[in-house]
Amino acid sequence: MSEQSVLYQLHGKTALITLNRPKQLNSLTGDLVSELLKCLNNAETDPAVRAVVLTGAGRAFCAGGDL
């Protein structure tokens, strides 16, 4: 089973979205971008969500595109 490349958690009225590829410094792949867009859409359409925090796992937020 592969790990999720984007994690989505609700903390009260805040959606926490975490890029979850710490070994690759959270670099973007097509699958990660697709998952990220789904999470952002979930937050946008959930009337309970009042804020979104976007973060990266590990020591980097995002190193850019995964070439």
N, C-alpha and C. Protein backbone atom coordinates (compact mmCIF):
# COMPACT_ATOMS: atom_id res chain seq x y z
N MET A 1 0.85 -1.18 0.00
CA MET A 1 0.00 0.00 0.00
C MET A 1 0.89 1.24 0.00
N SER A 2 0.59 2.18 -0.88
CA SER A 2 1.39 3.40 -0.96
C SER A 2 0.82 4.45 -0.01
N GLU A 3 1.70 5.33 0.43
CA GLU A 3 1.28 6.41 1.30
C GLU A 3 0.56 7.48 0.51
N GLN A 4 -0.33 8.20 1.16
CA GLN A 4 -1.01 9.31 0.52
C GLN A 4 -0.03 10.46 0.35
N SER A 5 -0.03 11.06 -0.82
CA SER A 5 0.89 12.18 -1.06
C SER A 5 0.33 13.50 -0.56
N VAL A 6 -0.97 13.54 -0.24
CA VAL A 6 -1.58 14.73 0.36
C VAL A 6 -2.50 14.26 1.48
N LEU A 7 -2.36 14.88 2.65
CA LEU A 7 -3.20 14.54 3.79
C LEU A 7 -4.19 15.67 4.03
N TYR A 8 -5.41 15.31 4.42
CA TYR A 8 -6.47 16.28 4.68
C TYR A 8 -7.05 15.99 6.05
N GLN A 9 -7.01 17.00 6.92
CA GLN A 9 -7.56 16.85 8.26
C GLN A 9 -8.40 18.08 8.60
N LEU A 10 -9.45 17.85 9.36
CA LEU A 10 -10.26 18.96 9.87
C LEU A 10 -9.96 19.15 11.35
N HIS A 11 -9.69 20.38 11.73
CA HIS A 11 -9.49 20.76 13.13
C HIS A 11 -10.47 21.89 13.40
N GLY A 12 -11.63 21.52 13.90
CA GLY A 12 -12.67 22.53 14.11
C GLY A 12 -13.11 23.09 12.77
N LYS A 13 -12.95 24.39 12.58
CA LYS A 13 -13.35 25.04 11.33
C LYS A 13 -12.17 25.24 10.38
N THR A 14 -11.04 24.59 10.68
CA THR A 14 -9.83 24.73 9.87
C THR A 14 -9.50 23.43 9.16
N ALA A 15 -9.29 23.52 7.85
CA ALA A 15 -8.83 22.35 7.08
C ALA A 15 -7.31 22.43 7.00
N LEU A 16 -6.64 21.37 7.41
CA LEU A 16 -5.18 21.29 7.33
C LEU A 16 -4.83 20.36 6.17
N ILE A 17 -4.17 20.90 5.16
CA ILE A 17 -3.76 20.12 3.99
C ILE A 17 -2.24 20.04 4.01
N THR A 18 -1.71 18.82 4.02
CA THR A 18 -0.28 18.60 4.14
C THR A 18 0.25 17.85 2.92
N LEU A 19 1.23 18.46 2.24
CA LEU A 19 1.95 17.76 1.18
C LEU A 19 2.80 16.70 1.89
N ASN A 20 2.70 15.44 1.48
CA ASN A 20 3.28 14.35 2.26
C ASN A 20 4.28 13.52 1.45
N ARG A 21 5.30 14.18 0.93
CA ARG A 21 6.42 13.49 0.28
C ARG A 21 7.73 14.04 0.85
N PRO A 22 7.95 13.87 2.16
CA PRO A 22 9.09 14.52 2.80
C PRO A 22 10.45 14.08 2.25
N LYS A 23 10.59 12.84 1.82
CA LYS A 23 11.88 12.38 1.28
C LYS A 23 12.21 13.08 -0.03
N GLN A 24 11.19 13.51 -0.77
CA GLN A 24 11.38 14.22 -2.03
C GLN A 24 11.17 15.73 -1.86
N LEU A 25 11.22 16.19 -0.61
CA LEU A 25 11.00 17.60 -0.27
C LEU A 25 9.66 18.11 -0.81
N ASN A 26 8.67 17.21 -0.84
CA ASN A 26 7.30 17.53 -1.25
C ASN A 26 7.22 18.10 -2.66
N SER A 27 8.11 17.62 -3.53
CA SER A 27 8.08 18.08 -4.91
C SER A 27 6.80 17.60 -5.59
N LEU A 28 6.33 18.39 -6.54
CA LEU A 28 5.03 18.16 -7.17
C LEU A 28 5.11 17.12 -8.28
N THR A 29 4.17 16.19 -8.25
CA THR A 29 3.95 15.24 -9.33
C THR A 29 2.52 15.44 -9.82
N GLY A 30 2.19 14.82 -10.93
CA GLY A 30 0.82 14.91 -11.43
C GLY A 30 -0.19 14.38 -10.43
N ASP A 31 0.14 13.24 -9.81
CA ASP A 31 -0.77 12.65 -8.83
C ASP A 31 -0.93 13.54 -7.61
N LEU A 32 0.17 14.13 -7.13
CA LEU A 32 0.09 15.00 -5.97
C LEU A 32 -0.77 16.22 -6.27
N VAL A 33 -0.58 16.82 -7.42
CA VAL A 33 -1.38 18.00 -7.80
C VAL A 33 -2.86 17.63 -7.88
N SER A 34 -3.16 16.47 -8.45
CA SER A 34 -4.54 16.01 -8.54
C SER A 34 -5.15 15.84 -7.15
N GLU A 35 -4.43 15.20 -6.25
CA GLU A 35 -4.91 15.02 -4.88
C GLU A 35 -5.07 16.36 -4.16
N LEU A 36 -4.11 17.26 -4.39
CA LEU A 36 -4.17 18.58 -3.77
C LEU A 36 -5.42 19.34 -4.23
N LEU A 37 -5.71 19.30 -5.50
CA LEU A 37 -6.90 19.97 -6.02
C LEU A 37 -8.18 19.38 -5.44
N LYS A 38 -8.23 18.06 -5.25
CA LYS A 38 -9.39 17.43 -4.62
C LYS A 38 -9.57 17.92 -3.19
N CYS A 39 -8.46 18.00 -2.45
CA CYS A 39 -8.53 18.47 -1.07
C CYS A 39 -8.97 19.93 -1.00
N LEU A 40 -8.43 20.76 -1.87
CA LEU A 40 -8.84 22.16 -1.89
C LEU A 40 -10.31 22.30 -2.25
N ASN A 41 -10.79 21.47 -3.18
CA ASN A 41 -12.21 21.49 -3.54
C ASN A 41 -13.07 21.06 -2.35
N ASN A 42 -12.62 20.03 -1.63
CA ASN A 42 -13.36 19.59 -0.44
C ASN A 42 -13.48 20.72 0.57
N ALA A 43 -12.39 21.43 0.80
CA ALA A 43 -12.41 22.54 1.76
C ALA A 43 -13.32 23.65 1.27
N GLU A 44 -13.27 23.94 -0.03
CA GLU A 44 -14.09 25.03 -0.58
C GLU A 44 -15.58 24.73 -0.49
N THR A 45 -15.96 23.48 -0.68
CA THR A 45 -17.39 23.13 -0.71
C THR A 45 -17.95 22.75 0.65
N ASP A 46 -17.09 22.63 1.67
CA ASP A 46 -17.55 22.30 3.02
C ASP A 46 -17.93 23.59 3.74
N PRO A 47 -19.20 23.80 4.04
CA PRO A 47 -19.62 25.05 4.68
C PRO A 47 -19.06 25.23 6.09
N ALA A 48 -18.58 24.16 6.71
CA ALA A 48 -18.03 24.26 8.05
C ALA A 48 -16.59 24.81 8.04
N VAL A 49 -15.91 24.73 6.91
CA VAL A 49 -14.52 25.17 6.84
C VAL A 49 -14.47 26.67 6.66
N ARG A 50 -13.73 27.34 7.57
CA ARG A 50 -13.60 28.79 7.53
C ARG A 50 -12.18 29.22 7.16
N ALA A 51 -11.21 28.28 7.28
CA ALA A 51 -9.82 28.60 6.96
C ALA A 51 -9.13 27.33 6.47
N VAL A 52 -8.11 27.54 5.63
CA VAL A 52 -7.31 26.43 5.11
C VAL A 52 -5.84 26.72 5.41
N VAL A 53 -5.15 25.73 5.95
CA VAL A 53 -3.71 25.82 6.18
C VAL A 53 -3.05 24.80 5.25
N LEU A 54 -2.14 25.27 4.41
CA LEU A 54 -1.41 24.41 3.48
C LEU A 54 0.03 24.33 3.96
N THR A 55 0.50 23.11 4.21
CA THR A 55 1.83 22.91 4.77
C THR A 55 2.50 21.71 4.11
N GLY A 56 3.76 21.51 4.42
CA GLY A 56 4.51 20.38 3.89
C GLY A 56 5.09 19.55 5.02
N ALA A 57 5.11 18.24 4.85
CA ALA A 57 5.71 17.35 5.84
C ALA A 57 7.23 17.42 5.73
N GLY A 58 7.91 17.26 6.84
CA GLY A 58 9.36 17.24 6.83
C GLY A 58 9.98 18.62 6.85
N ARG A 59 11.17 18.74 6.24
CA ARG A 59 11.96 19.98 6.37
C ARG A 59 11.69 21.00 5.28
N ALA A 60 10.85 20.68 4.32
CA ALA A 60 10.59 21.63 3.22
C ALA A 60 9.10 21.71 2.94
N PHE A 61 8.65 22.91 2.58
CA PHE A 61 7.25 23.06 2.15
C PHE A 61 7.05 22.38 0.81
N CYS A 62 7.80 22.82 -0.21
CA CYS A 62 7.68 22.24 -1.55
C CYS A 62 8.89 22.68 -2.37
N ALA A 63 9.55 21.71 -2.97
CA ALA A 63 10.77 21.98 -3.74
C ALA A 63 10.47 22.28 -5.21
N GLY A 64 9.19 22.37 -5.59
CA GLY A 64 8.84 22.64 -6.98
C GLY A 64 8.43 21.36 -7.69
N GLY A 65 8.59 21.35 -9.01
CA GLY A 65 8.19 20.19 -9.80
C GLY A 65 9.18 19.06 -9.69
N ASP A 66 8.68 17.83 -9.66
CA ASP A 66 9.52 16.64 -9.58
C ASP A 66 9.93 16.26 -11.00
N LEU A 67 11.14 16.61 -11.36
CA LEU A 67 11.65 16.30 -12.69
C LEU A 67 12.26 14.93 -12.69
